[in-house]
């Protein structure tokens, strides 16, 4: 996988956020937590992407390679979104 590092419990690299049927390319810094949760942050340098709109979306999926998982947005700061997922992580 070009441009990404993969370890057993973390992922740093490109990902896709699917927002109500629209795909947004992002960079991701993710980690698995104990208790079946995972999370981290996703961000983009594209000023056309409104992370507050992403946070308010009905359907949110994060795709890494061919795996995807749903998540919630905990908070937004500029072009960064801090996220949390429950269950199987997409990395």
Protein backbone atom coordinates (compact mmCIF):
# COMPACT_ATOMS: atom_id res chain seq x y z
CA UNK A 1 0.00 0.00 0.00
CA UNK A 2 1.66 3.19 -1.18
CA UNK A 3 1.81 6.19 1.13
CA UNK A 4 0.47 4.41 4.19
CA UNK A 5 1.86 2.58 7.14
CA UNK A 6 0.03 -0.35 8.63
CA UNK A 7 0.58 -1.92 12.01
CA UNK A 8 -1.59 -4.38 13.83
CA UNK A 9 -3.39 -1.74 15.89
CA UNK A 10 -3.10 1.44 13.86
CA UNK A 11 -3.41 2.86 10.37
CA UNK A 12 -1.87 6.02 8.90
CA UNK A 13 -2.66 6.77 5.27
CA UNK A 14 -5.29 7.52 2.67
CA UNK A 15 -8.95 6.69 3.19
CA UNK A 16 -12.36 7.57 1.79
CA UNK A 17 -15.23 8.99 3.83
CA UNK A 18 -18.60 8.17 2.31
CA UNK A 19 -21.02 10.91 3.30
CA UNK A 20 -24.66 10.34 2.34
CA UNK A 21 -23.64 8.84 -1.01
CA UNK A 22 -20.72 11.19 -1.75
CA UNK A 23 -17.07 10.12 -1.45
CA UNK A 24 -14.49 12.43 0.13
CA UNK A 25 -10.79 11.49 -0.01
CA UNK A 26 -9.05 12.07 3.33
CA UNK A 27 -5.91 11.22 5.22
CA UNK A 28 -6.46 9.12 8.32
CA UNK A 29 -4.63 8.50 11.58
CA UNK A 30 -6.50 5.64 13.26
CA UNK A 31 -5.98 3.23 16.13
CA UNK A 32 -7.78 0.28 17.71
CA UNK A 33 -8.75 0.67 21.34
CA UNK A 34 -9.60 -1.91 23.95
CA UNK A 35 -13.23 -2.90 24.29
CA UNK A 36 -14.00 -3.17 20.60
CA UNK A 37 -13.75 0.49 19.64
CA UNK A 38 -11.48 2.28 17.21
CA UNK A 39 -10.96 5.92 16.34
CA UNK A 40 -8.63 8.74 15.53
CA UNK A 41 -8.82 11.61 13.10
CA UNK A 42 -9.38 12.22 9.44
CA UNK A 43 -8.54 15.39 7.57
CA UNK A 44 -8.35 16.98 4.17
CA UNK A 45 -6.58 19.96 2.68
CA UNK A 46 -9.49 20.56 0.29
CA UNK A 47 -11.17 23.83 1.34
CA UNK A 48 -14.35 22.78 -0.49
CA UNK A 49 -14.95 20.02 2.08
CA UNK A 50 -16.96 21.22 5.08
CA UNK A 51 -16.18 18.88 7.96
CA UNK A 52 -19.19 20.23 9.87
CA UNK A 53 -21.36 18.98 6.99
CA UNK A 54 -19.60 15.62 7.23
CA UNK A 55 -20.31 15.50 10.98
CA UNK A 56 -24.02 16.23 10.42
CA UNK A 57 -24.48 13.53 7.76
CA UNK A 58 -26.97 10.72 8.23
CA UNK A 59 -24.70 8.00 6.87
CA UNK A 60 -20.95 7.94 7.52
CA UNK A 61 -18.62 5.18 6.33
CA UNK A 62 -14.84 5.13 6.38
CA UNK A 63 -13.23 3.01 3.69
CA UNK A 64 -9.62 1.82 3.80
CA UNK A 65 -8.68 -0.30 0.79
CA UNK A 66 -11.64 -2.69 0.37
CA UNK A 67 -12.91 -2.56 3.97
CA UNK A 68 -15.44 -0.11 5.36
CA UNK A 69 -16.97 0.66 8.76
CA UNK A 70 -19.45 3.16 10.12
CA UNK A 71 -18.36 5.83 12.56
CA UNK A 72 -19.48 8.95 14.42
CA UNK A 73 -17.79 12.33 14.53
CA UNK A 74 -16.86 13.39 18.05
CA UNK A 75 -15.72 16.90 17.17
CA UNK A 76 -14.56 19.04 14.27
CA UNK A 77 -11.67 21.47 14.24
CA UNK A 78 -11.10 23.24 10.92
CA UNK A 79 -10.49 20.51 8.31
CA UNK A 80 -9.96 17.78 10.94
CA UNK A 81 -12.62 15.45 12.32
CA UNK A 82 -12.07 13.29 15.40
CA UNK A 83 -13.99 10.05 14.94
CA UNK A 84 -15.03 6.92 16.84
CA UNK A 85 -16.19 3.58 15.50
CA UNK A 86 -17.51 0.49 17.25
CA UNK A 87 -16.89 -3.05 16.11
CA UNK A 88 -14.58 -4.25 13.36
CA UNK A 89 -12.16 -1.54 12.27
CA UNK A 90 -11.62 -0.97 8.52
CA UNK A 91 -7.86 -1.53 8.83
